Amino acid sequence: GLLLSDDIQMAALSGTHGVRAAAAVAAGCDLALHCSGNLAEMEEVAGALGPAAPEAQARIDGTWRSADSPAASRYEALAAKRDVLLALAAG
């Protein structure tokens, strides 16, 4: 049940990164995805959002708990295999 936005860096919304993140959360997203790695932008987003609402935090916590499921273990094995293949391809 966790809902996260598309990357707000993609500029599908107008305004600053903080305004975009706040708009995504106001529209119903639990998390606003920001992928650039730019620290100033991340600080702006964090400042615009503050702590997650209690309902959103409950969904976030539930998602983390489900990471211990058998499906998560299969994902970890597949991700490890992917990493080995990418390393081989990189030479």
C-alpha atoms as a PDB file:
ATOM      1  CA  GLY A   1       0.000   0.000   0.000  1.00  0.00           C
ATOM      2  CA  LEU A   2       2.983   2.384  -0.077  1.00  0.00           C
ATOM      3  CA  LEU A   3       2.629   5.032  -2.765  1.00  0.00           C
ATOM      4  CA  LEU A   4       5.618   7.002  -4.017  1.00  0.00           C
ATOM      5  CA  SER A   5       5.903   9.638  -6.686  1.00  0.00           C
ATOM      6  CA  ASP A   6       7.843   9.477  -9.881  1.00  0.00           C
ATOM      7  CA  ASP A   7      11.199  11.277  -9.669  1.00  0.00           C
ATOM      8  CA  ILE A   8      10.421  14.941  -9.001  1.00  0.00           C
ATOM      9  CA  GLN A   9      13.682  15.751 -10.784  1.00  0.00           C
ATOM     10  CA  MET A  10      11.944  14.930 -14.066  1.00  0.00           C
ATOM     11  CA  ALA A  11      10.184  18.320 -13.927  1.00  0.00           C
ATOM     12  CA  ALA A  12       6.717  16.971 -14.710  1.00  0.00           C
ATOM     13  CA  LEU A  13       5.517  19.470 -12.103  1.00  0.00           C
ATOM     14  CA  SER A  14       6.314  23.167 -11.971  1.00  0.00           C
ATOM     15  CA  GLY A  15       8.071  24.901  -9.093  1.00  0.00           C
ATOM     16  CA  THR A  16      11.120  24.190  -7.003  1.00  0.00           C
ATOM     17  CA  HIS A  17      12.038  20.696  -5.872  1.00  0.00           C
ATOM     18  CA  GLY A  18      10.470  21.407  -2.487  1.00  0.00           C
ATOM     19  CA  VAL A  19       7.235  22.622  -4.100  1.00  0.00           C
ATOM     20  CA  ARG A  20       7.141  19.561  -6.369  1.00  0.00           C
ATOM     21  CA  ALA A  21       7.703  17.184  -3.451  1.00  0.00           C
ATOM     22  CA  ALA A  22       5.035  18.880  -1.348  1.00  0.00           C
ATOM     23  CA  ALA A  23       2.603  18.721  -4.287  1.00  0.00           C
ATOM     24  CA  ALA A  24       3.237  14.981  -4.709  1.00  0.00           C
ATOM     25  CA  VAL A  25       2.589  14.328  -1.016  1.00  0.00           C
ATOM     26  CA  ALA A  26      -0.476  16.594  -1.039  1.00  0.00           C
ATOM     27  CA  ALA A  27      -1.773  14.560  -4.001  1.00  0.00           C
ATOM     28  CA  GLY A  28      -1.611  11.396  -1.883  1.00  0.00           C
ATOM     29  CA  CYS A  29       1.920  10.035  -2.231  1.00  0.00           C
ATOM     30  CA  ASP A  30       3.553   8.686   0.929  1.00  0.00           C
ATOM     31  CA  LEU A  31       7.031   9.482  -0.382  1.00  0.00           C
ATOM     32  CA  ALA A  32       8.385  11.913  -2.951  1.00  0.00           C
ATOM     33  CA  LEU A  33      11.144  10.297  -4.989  1.00  0.00           C
ATOM     34  CA  HIS A  34      14.168  12.521  -5.625  1.00  0.00           C
ATOM     35  CA  CYS A  35      17.047  10.829  -7.427  1.00  0.00           C
ATOM     36  CA  SER A  36      19.661  13.417  -8.440  1.00  0.00           C
ATOM     37  CA  GLY A  37      21.876  13.008  -5.373  1.00  0.00           C
ATOM     38  CA  ASN A  38      22.258  16.787  -5.157  1.00  0.00           C
ATOM     39  CA  LEU A  39      22.528  17.535  -1.422  1.00  0.00           C
ATOM     40  CA  ALA A  40      21.120  21.069  -1.661  1.00  0.00           C
ATOM     41  CA  GLU A  41      18.058  19.755  -3.504  1.00  0.00           C
ATOM     42  CA  MET A  42      17.612  16.922  -0.991  1.00  0.00           C
ATOM     43  CA  GLU A  43      17.785  19.407   1.889  1.00  0.00           C
ATOM     44  CA  GLU A  44      15.174  21.582   0.154  1.00  0.00           C
ATOM     45  CA  VAL A  45      12.849  18.590  -0.269  1.00  0.00           C
ATOM     46  CA  ALA A  46      13.338  17.451   3.326  1.00  0.00           C
ATOM     47  CA  GLY A  47      12.666  20.966   4.575  1.00  0.00           C
ATOM     48  CA  ALA A  48       9.516  21.245   2.492  1.00  0.00           C
ATOM     49  CA  LEU A  49       8.121  17.913   3.687  1.00  0.00           C
ATOM     50  CA  GLY A  50       9.195  17.401   7.279  1.00  0.00           C
ATOM     51  CA  PRO A  51       8.332  14.103   8.982  1.00  0.00           C
ATOM     52  CA  ALA A  52       5.958  11.680   7.289  1.00  0.00           C
ATOM     53  CA  ALA A  53       2.330  11.761   8.370  1.00  0.00           C
ATOM     54  CA  PRO A  54       1.496   8.953  10.841  1.00  0.00           C
ATOM     55  CA  GLU A  55      -0.555   7.046   8.236  1.00  0.00           C
ATOM     56  CA  ALA A  56       2.262   7.276   5.701  1.00  0.00           C
ATOM     57  CA  GLN A  57       4.822   6.241   8.328  1.00  0.00           C
ATOM     58  CA  ALA A  58       2.741   3.154   9.099  1.00  0.00           C
ATOM     59  CA  ARG A  59       2.785   2.180   5.404  1.00  0.00           C
ATOM     60  CA  ILE A  60       6.537   2.842   5.216  1.00  0.00           C
ATOM     61  CA  ASP A  61       7.122   0.668   8.297  1.00  0.00           C
ATOM     62  CA  GLY A  62       4.949  -2.080   6.829  1.00  0.00           C
ATOM     63  CA  THR A  63       6.980  -2.025   3.643  1.00  0.00           C
ATOM     64  CA  TRP A  64      10.215  -2.436   5.596  1.00  0.00           C
ATOM     65  CA  ARG A  65       8.726  -5.343   7.554  1.00  0.00           C
ATOM     66  CA  SER A  66       7.731  -7.047   4.315  1.00  0.00           C
ATOM     67  CA  ALA A  67      11.385  -6.837   3.205  1.00  0.00           C
ATOM     68  CA  ASP A  68      11.975  -9.860   5.449  1.00  0.00           C
ATOM     69  CA  SER A  69       9.538 -11.956   3.406  1.00  0.00           C
ATOM     70  CA  PRO A  70      10.558 -14.908   1.186  1.00  0.00           C
ATOM     71  CA  ALA A  71       9.885 -12.758  -1.895  1.00  0.00           C
ATOM     72  CA  ALA A  72      12.452 -10.247  -0.642  1.00  0.00           C
ATOM     73  CA  SER A  73      14.995 -13.052  -0.302  1.00  0.00           C
ATOM     74  CA  ARG A  74      14.407 -14.046  -3.933  1.00  0.00           C
ATOM     75  CA  TYR A  75      14.833 -10.421  -4.941  1.00  0.00           C
ATOM     76  CA  GLU A  76      18.157 -10.215  -3.099  1.00  0.00           C
ATOM     77  CA  ALA A  77      19.409 -13.338  -4.902  1.00  0.00           C
ATOM     78  CA  LEU A  78      18.349 -11.955  -8.285  1.00  0.00           C
ATOM     79  CA  ALA A  79      19.888  -8.557  -7.527  1.00  0.00           C
ATOM     80  CA  ALA A  80      23.180 -10.242  -6.586  1.00  0.00           C
ATOM     81  CA  LYS A  81      23.144 -12.208  -9.858  1.00  0.00           C
ATOM     82  CA  ARG A  82      22.433  -8.971 -11.771  1.00  0.00           C
ATOM     83  CA  ASP A  83      25.394  -7.285 -10.086  1.00  0.00           C
ATOM     84  CA  VAL A  84      27.736 -10.123 -11.042  1.00  0.00           C
ATOM     85  CA  LEU A  85      26.571  -9.982 -14.663  1.00  0.00           C
ATOM     86  CA  LEU A  86      26.973  -6.206 -14.811  1.00  0.00           C
ATOM     87  CA  ALA A  87      30.482  -6.487 -13.360  1.00  0.00           C
ATOM     88  CA  LEU A  88      31.408  -9.081 -16.004  1.00  0.00           C
ATOM     89  CA  ALA A  89      30.000  -6.899 -18.778  1.00  0.00           C
ATOM     90  CA  ALA A  90      31.993  -3.904 -17.520  1.00  0.00           C
ATOM     91  CA  GLY A  91      35.110  -5.990 -17.847  1.00  0.00           C
END
